[in-house]
Each structure stands twice: as C-alpha cells, then as structure tokens.
Amino acid sequence: MISKEQFEKELDLIIANAIREDIGDGDHTSLSCIPKGAKGKAKLLVKDEGIIAGVEFAKQVFSFVDADLIVETFIQDGERVTYGDVVFIVSGRSQSILMAERLVLNAMQRMSAIATKTAFFTSLLKGTKTKVLDTRKTTPGVRAIEKWAVKIGGGVNHRFALYDMMMIKDNHIDFAGGVTAAITKAKKYLIEKKIDIKIIVEARSLEEVKEILENKGVYRILIDNFNYKDTRSAVALIGTSCLTESSGGINEKTIRKYADCGVDFISSGALTHAVSNIDLSLKAV
C-alpha cells in the first residue's frame, strides 16, 4: 500500500479539487444573503442506520475551507448510528459552513455506505481466518476516501493503484505469452527498475495454480472465478507457499462458503461500486 504521506496527499487533492468544482468563483447565494461576519452552528444529523464514516475527513474539509471552524464530535468513525443521532456540531462563520456542506455530506454519505457494507461482509466471516479486500473498482478521483471507508468498516485495503503492487491478471498472461513468461518478465522489470513491490498472480485453473507455484517470489495467488471444490483444491496445492485470495462475483450469499474453503482473503468490488448512500443532513442549530 501507499505511504501515509502519499495517502494524505491524495486527500488534499480530493478536497482541493472538490471545493474548486463546487465553489468556483464564489458561493454567491451565501455571499448575497448572509453577512460576512455572521456566526452559526450546524449539526450532522443521521436519518438512516449503519456505520458512520468520514468524520475525520469532514474535519479536514472544514479546516481547508476555514481554519477557524470548530467541530465538536459526539460519534467517531466506525461506530454504529441510528436515525436521529447527531454525529458532530460545527460552529464558526456561517458562510464557511455552507461552503463546506455539500462536500462533507457527499463524502460522508458515500463513505458510511461503504463502511456499512464492509462491516456486514466482515461479520459474515466471523470465526474464519479470511479477511475482506477492496479493489480498484472505485469512483474516479476519490479512491482514497473510499478505501479509507473500507478500513473503517473493518476491511483490508488491496493495492491502492497500479504503481504500488503488481497484479498479473488474465490479459497480462495472454499478452505476455503465458504464466511463467509473465512472472519472469515482471521479476526482471522490478530488478532493473530497482522497485520493491509485491507480485500477485491470477489463476484461471488448477493447472495455472501449479505453474504459478513453480515460479518463486509470488506474494499471493488470486483464485479467480473458481467453484468451491476447485477453490479448496487450490488452497491445498498452495499450502504455505504464498497467500491466497478468492474473487469473482462473490456476494453475501456465497462469501462464507468461499471463506470456509480456507482462503486468506476475499476481494469484492461491490464494497465500493454497489452501495446506496447513507442518508445524512447538515442542519442549522
């Protein structure tokens, strides 16, 4: 995964771009009808149920818009919320609160939905060693906050992007001329470029699992679109040689059965691309 410094940089870029997109040359509605020095308060009101996420991100947004805004927090990231809960109260310049409002709500509604779904998937794995992974199937431009939400919900982040981990998938294998050719070329590239990142290889069959195992230095094997029987066979073949990951259309009805096959991880794009926003409002008090 990327470093803390890289992650913070991603958050800064998200906030700066979102504020630029939303405010442009000014929030003319607020500027026209609210005096510049007017002060006010607003509460983050929950109108739904789930896991709250994005509280710390909201604080960063408020600080970016106006460093003098003060946030009093009552519920932290990762806590369960229900209808009527107040997560925080922000106080300070009314114009500043209104300028930050939409970004805070958009981010927190999305992040809370992701955290809630992740927590649900994680609960289905209770009693197994298997952990839930996210994917790169994220909303363009805001990957950092969506992956942050997965962690808040109890999941584990997969690679952040193409640059922090190698993942040799079916198309790479076919274009490279086979499993061994792809792995060999990947290792050579890392040595030549002096890059220290891990290699994951996707297997489409038990024969490909065997071939991957013949090549040393693979961090994790992605057991993709296997049925339960073949997944168990793949896990037995791999043993302790490297980590294992199942993927491919796994949902809440099948995730436990795949975990019971003994895989270390199950990756699901649905954590970030198939969620419905949690209903939240920012109301003046």
Protein backbone atom coordinates (compact mmCIF):
# COMPACT_ATOMS: atom_id res chain seq x y z
CA MET A 1 0.00 0.00 0.00
CA ILE A 2 0.97 3.62 -0.37
CA SER A 3 2.65 5.51 2.47
CA LYS A 4 0.83 7.71 4.96
CA GLU A 5 2.36 10.75 3.26
CA GLN A 6 1.07 9.67 -0.14
CA PHE A 7 -2.36 8.99 1.29
CA GLU A 8 -2.53 12.43 2.92
CA LYS A 9 -1.52 13.99 -0.38
CA GLU A 10 -4.38 12.15 -2.10
CA LEU A 11 -6.83 13.53 0.48
CA ASP A 12 -5.54 17.07 -0.04
CA LEU A 13 -6.02 16.72 -3.79
CA ILE A 14 -9.56 15.38 -3.36
CA ILE A 15 -10.56 18.27 -1.10
CA ALA A 16 -8.94 20.99 -3.21
CA ASN A 17 -10.48 19.70 -6.43
CA ALA A 18 -13.93 19.17 -4.91
CA ILE A 19 -14.01 22.68 -3.43
CA ARG A 20 -12.83 24.11 -6.76
CA GLU A 21 -15.54 22.18 -8.57
CA ASP A 22 -18.33 23.21 -6.19
CA ILE A 23 -17.48 26.82 -5.34
CA GLY A 24 -15.73 28.16 -8.44
CA ASP A 25 -15.53 31.94 -8.13
CA GLY A 26 -17.80 32.01 -5.09
CA ASP A 27 -20.86 30.69 -3.27
CA HIS A 28 -22.95 33.59 -4.48
CA THR A 29 -26.11 32.51 -2.65
CA SER A 30 -24.40 32.58 0.75
CA LEU A 31 -22.37 35.65 -0.08
CA SER A 32 -25.51 37.57 -1.03
CA CYS A 33 -27.78 36.76 1.88
CA ILE A 34 -25.51 36.07 4.87
CA PRO A 35 -23.29 38.80 6.38
CA LYS A 36 -19.56 38.05 6.13
CA GLY A 37 -19.01 38.06 9.88
CA ALA A 38 -22.15 36.12 10.82
CA LYS A 39 -21.54 33.07 13.03
CA GLY A 40 -23.60 29.93 13.28
CA LYS A 41 -23.74 26.25 14.15
CA ALA A 42 -24.84 23.16 12.23
CA LYS A 43 -25.29 19.54 13.29
CA LEU A 44 -24.60 16.41 11.25
CA LEU A 45 -27.89 14.55 11.59
CA VAL A 46 -28.29 10.83 10.84
CA LYS A 47 -31.51 9.85 9.04
CA ASP A 48 -30.62 6.22 8.48
CA GLU A 49 -28.86 3.28 10.13
CA GLY A 50 -25.37 1.91 9.61
CA ILE A 51 -21.70 2.55 10.31
CA ILE A 52 -20.63 6.18 10.28
CA ALA A 53 -17.53 7.04 8.28
CA GLY A 54 -15.91 10.27 7.17
CA VAL A 55 -15.91 12.19 10.45
CA GLU A 56 -12.15 12.79 10.31
CA PHE A 57 -12.37 13.62 6.62
CA ALA A 58 -15.10 16.16 7.36
CA LYS A 59 -12.82 17.85 9.87
CA GLN A 60 -10.17 18.17 7.15
CA VAL A 61 -12.72 19.70 4.79
CA PHE A 62 -13.89 22.24 7.35
CA SER A 63 -10.28 23.15 8.15
CA PHE A 64 -9.47 23.58 4.45
CA VAL A 65 -12.41 25.91 3.93
CA ASP A 66 -11.90 27.87 7.16
CA ALA A 67 -9.27 27.05 9.77
CA ASP A 68 -11.37 28.83 12.42
CA LEU A 69 -14.30 26.40 12.18
CA ILE A 70 -14.67 24.26 15.31
CA VAL A 71 -16.01 20.69 15.24
CA GLU A 72 -17.41 19.09 18.41
CA THR A 73 -17.59 15.33 17.82
CA PHE A 74 -20.04 13.01 19.56
CA ILE A 75 -19.72 9.86 17.42
CA GLN A 76 -16.46 8.58 15.97
CA ASP A 77 -15.67 6.87 12.66
CA GLY A 78 -16.58 3.19 12.77
CA GLU A 79 -19.38 3.49 15.33
CA ARG A 80 -22.88 2.28 14.58
CA VAL A 81 -25.52 5.01 14.20
CA THR A 82 -29.29 5.11 14.00
CA TYR A 83 -31.98 7.59 12.97
CA GLY A 84 -31.79 10.83 14.95
CA ASP A 85 -28.18 10.56 16.08
CA VAL A 86 -26.07 13.71 15.95
CA VAL A 87 -22.52 12.93 14.88
CA PHE A 88 -20.98 16.37 15.36
CA ILE A 89 -21.70 20.08 15.59
CA VAL A 90 -19.62 22.52 13.58
CA SER A 91 -19.50 26.16 14.59
CA GLY A 92 -17.99 29.32 13.12
CA ARG A 93 -18.62 31.54 10.13
CA SER A 94 -21.96 30.65 8.56
CA GLN A 95 -20.68 31.28 5.04
CA SER A 96 -17.82 28.83 5.61
CA ILE A 97 -20.10 26.11 6.96
CA LEU A 98 -22.31 26.40 3.88
CA MET A 99 -19.35 26.27 1.51
CA ALA A 100 -18.15 23.02 3.07
CA GLU A 101 -21.60 21.47 3.48
CA ARG A 102 -22.03 19.62 0.19
CA LEU A 103 -18.56 18.08 0.10
CA VAL A 104 -18.90 16.91 3.70
CA LEU A 105 -22.30 15.34 3.03
CA ASN A 106 -21.37 13.76 -0.30
CA ALA A 107 -18.23 12.21 1.19
CA MET A 108 -19.76 11.04 4.46
CA GLN A 109 -22.87 9.55 2.84
CA ARG A 110 -20.72 7.56 0.43
CA MET A 111 -18.09 6.58 2.98
CA SER A 112 -20.71 5.48 5.51
CA ALA A 113 -22.41 3.29 2.92
CA ILE A 114 -19.10 1.61 2.07
CA ALA A 115 -18.18 1.15 5.73
CA THR A 116 -21.61 -0.32 6.46
CA LYS A 117 -21.39 -2.85 3.63
CA THR A 118 -17.82 -3.76 4.57
CA ALA A 119 -18.83 -4.31 8.19
CA PHE A 120 -21.66 -6.57 7.04
CA PHE A 121 -19.37 -8.66 4.82
CA THR A 122 -16.82 -8.86 7.64
CA SER A 123 -19.48 -10.08 10.07
CA LEU A 124 -20.27 -12.96 7.70
CA LEU A 125 -16.66 -14.16 8.06
CA LYS A 126 -16.67 -14.30 11.85
CA GLY A 127 -14.88 -17.42 13.06
CA THR A 128 -12.77 -17.82 9.91
CA LYS A 129 -9.27 -16.53 9.13
CA THR A 130 -10.46 -14.83 5.95
CA LYS A 131 -10.34 -11.05 5.53
CA VAL A 132 -12.28 -8.86 3.11
CA LEU A 133 -10.33 -6.90 0.50
CA ASP A 134 -11.44 -3.96 -1.61
CA THR A 135 -10.44 -3.46 -5.27
CA ARG A 136 -9.65 -0.66 -7.73
CA LYS A 137 -13.35 -0.50 -8.67
CA THR A 138 -13.71 2.90 -7.08
CA THR A 139 -15.17 6.25 -8.09
CA PRO A 140 -12.54 8.06 -10.22
CA GLY A 141 -10.81 10.81 -8.29
CA VAL A 142 -11.93 9.84 -4.79
CA ARG A 143 -10.33 6.41 -4.33
CA ALA A 144 -8.55 7.46 -1.14
CA ILE A 145 -11.72 8.18 0.83
CA GLU A 146 -13.48 5.07 -0.46
CA LYS A 147 -10.59 2.83 0.57
CA TRP A 148 -10.45 4.68 3.89
CA ALA A 149 -14.11 3.80 4.39
CA VAL A 150 -13.36 0.11 3.78
CA LYS A 151 -10.80 0.19 6.58
CA ILE A 152 -13.26 1.96 8.88
CA GLY A 153 -15.73 -0.85 8.18
CA GLY A 154 -13.20 -3.49 9.19
CA GLY A 155 -11.94 -4.47 5.75
CA VAL A 156 -8.42 -4.54 4.35
CA ASN A 157 -7.11 -2.40 1.51
CA HIS A 158 -5.84 -4.16 -1.60
CA ARG A 159 -3.26 -2.28 -3.69
CA PHE A 160 -4.07 1.41 -3.96
CA ALA A 161 -3.27 1.73 -7.65
CA LEU A 162 -1.21 0.25 -10.47
CA TYR A 163 2.06 1.54 -9.03
CA ASP A 164 2.19 0.06 -5.52
CA MET A 165 1.72 -3.64 -6.33
CA MET A 166 1.99 -5.85 -9.40
CA MET A 167 -1.12 -7.85 -10.24
CA ILE A 168 -0.62 -10.16 -13.20
CA LYS A 169 -4.12 -10.92 -14.50
CA ASP A 170 -5.51 -12.91 -17.41
CA ASN A 171 -4.83 -10.29 -20.08
CA HIS A 172 -1.25 -9.77 -18.87
CA ILE A 173 -0.71 -13.53 -19.01
CA ASP A 174 -2.16 -13.85 -22.50
CA PHE A 175 -0.31 -10.83 -23.90
CA ALA A 176 2.98 -11.91 -22.28
CA GLY A 177 2.81 -15.44 -23.66
CA GLY A 178 1.82 -17.44 -20.61
CA VAL A 179 2.03 -17.57 -16.82
CA THR A 180 5.75 -18.27 -16.50
CA ALA A 181 6.67 -15.71 -19.15
CA ALA A 182 4.62 -13.00 -17.40
CA ILE A 183 6.10 -13.73 -13.96
CA THR A 184 9.66 -13.90 -15.33
CA LYS A 185 9.27 -10.57 -17.12
CA ALA A 186 7.72 -8.97 -14.04
CA LYS A 187 10.60 -10.06 -11.80
CA LYS A 188 13.18 -8.86 -14.32
CA TYR A 189 11.45 -5.49 -14.57
CA LEU A 190 11.45 -5.00 -10.80
CA ILE A 191 15.16 -5.79 -10.60
CA GLU A 192 16.07 -3.50 -13.49
CA LYS A 193 13.97 -0.62 -12.19
CA LYS A 194 15.00 -1.25 -8.56
CA ILE A 195 11.36 -1.29 -7.48
CA ASP A 196 10.32 -3.12 -4.31
CA ILE A 197 6.68 -4.10 -4.66
CA LYS A 198 4.85 -7.42 -4.29
CA ILE A 199 3.56 -9.62 -7.10
CA ILE A 200 0.07 -11.15 -7.22
CA VAL A 201 -0.81 -13.58 -10.00
CA GLU A 202 -4.29 -14.58 -11.13
CA ALA A 203 -5.01 -18.24 -11.76
CA ARG A 204 -7.87 -19.36 -14.01
CA SER A 205 -7.43 -23.09 -13.42
CA LEU A 206 -5.72 -25.57 -11.13
CA GLU A 207 -3.11 -26.09 -13.84
CA GLU A 208 -2.26 -22.39 -13.71
CA VAL A 209 -2.04 -22.59 -9.91
CA LYS A 210 0.56 -25.35 -10.29
CA GLU A 211 2.51 -23.31 -12.84
CA ILE A 212 2.49 -20.22 -10.63
CA LEU A 213 3.86 -22.30 -7.75
CA GLU A 214 6.77 -23.40 -9.95
CA ASN A 215 7.83 -19.73 -10.08
CA LYS A 216 9.21 -18.42 -6.79
CA GLY A 217 8.61 -14.95 -5.41
CA VAL A 218 4.85 -14.65 -5.85
CA TYR A 219 3.23 -12.95 -2.84
CA ARG A 220 -0.37 -14.02 -3.39
CA ILE A 221 -2.32 -16.15 -5.85
CA LEU A 222 -5.69 -14.83 -6.98
CA ILE A 223 -8.03 -17.80 -7.32
CA ASP A 224 -10.45 -16.22 -9.75
CA ASN A 225 -13.97 -17.48 -10.51
CA PHE A 226 -13.33 -20.95 -9.08
CA ASN A 227 -16.14 -23.09 -7.68
CA TYR A 228 -15.97 -24.24 -4.05
CA LYS A 229 -14.44 -27.64 -4.83
CA ASP A 230 -11.66 -26.21 -7.00
CA THR A 231 -11.02 -23.42 -4.50
CA ARG A 232 -10.41 -25.99 -1.78
CA SER A 233 -8.11 -27.90 -4.11
CA ALA A 234 -6.20 -24.72 -4.96
CA VAL A 235 -5.78 -23.83 -1.28
CA ALA A 236 -4.45 -27.35 -0.60
CA LEU A 237 -1.99 -27.09 -3.50
CA ILE A 238 -0.73 -23.68 -2.40
CA GLY A 239 -0.39 -24.56 1.27
CA THR A 240 2.00 -22.10 2.92
CA SER A 241 3.86 -21.23 -0.30
CA CYS A 242 2.06 -17.90 -0.52
CA LEU A 243 -1.18 -16.19 0.42
CA THR A 244 -4.49 -16.94 -1.27
CA GLU A 245 -7.32 -14.72 -2.50
CA SER A 246 -10.72 -15.60 -3.93
CA SER A 247 -12.63 -13.25 -6.22
CA GLY A 248 -15.21 -13.18 -8.97
CA GLY A 249 -18.83 -12.30 -8.27
CA ILE A 250 -18.68 -13.27 -4.61
CA ASN A 251 -21.62 -11.82 -2.67
CA GLU A 252 -23.26 -12.01 0.76
CA LYS A 253 -24.79 -15.40 -0.11
CA THR A 254 -21.51 -17.04 -1.14
CA ILE A 255 -18.78 -15.25 0.81
CA ARG A 256 -18.91 -17.55 3.84
CA LYS A 257 -18.69 -20.68 1.69
CA TYR A 258 -15.55 -19.35 0.00
CA ALA A 259 -14.07 -18.42 3.37
CA ASP A 260 -14.72 -21.96 4.57
CA CYS A 261 -12.52 -23.16 1.68
CA GLY A 262 -9.59 -21.73 3.64
CA VAL A 263 -8.56 -18.68 1.60
CA ASP A 264 -6.72 -15.84 3.32
CA PHE A 265 -8.61 -13.07 1.52
CA ILE A 266 -11.77 -12.47 -0.45
CA SER A 267 -11.83 -9.41 -2.69
CA SER A 268 -15.07 -7.70 -3.61
CA GLY A 269 -15.58 -4.76 -5.92
CA ALA A 270 -19.12 -4.48 -4.58
CA LEU A 271 -17.78 -2.86 -1.41
CA THR A 272 -17.20 0.36 -3.35
CA HIS A 273 -19.18 0.17 -6.58
CA ALA A 274 -22.51 -1.27 -5.43
CA VAL A 275 -23.66 0.71 -2.38
CA SER A 276 -26.54 3.08 -1.63
CA ASN A 277 -25.63 6.24 0.24
CA ILE A 278 -26.50 6.57 3.91
CA ASP A 279 -28.96 9.46 4.47
CA LEU A 280 -27.29 12.32 6.36
CA SER A 281 -28.11 16.02 6.69
CA LEU A 282 -26.29 19.11 7.92
CA LYS A 283 -28.87 21.27 9.71
CA ALA A 284 -28.51 24.70 11.32
CA VAL A 285 -28.98 24.75 15.09
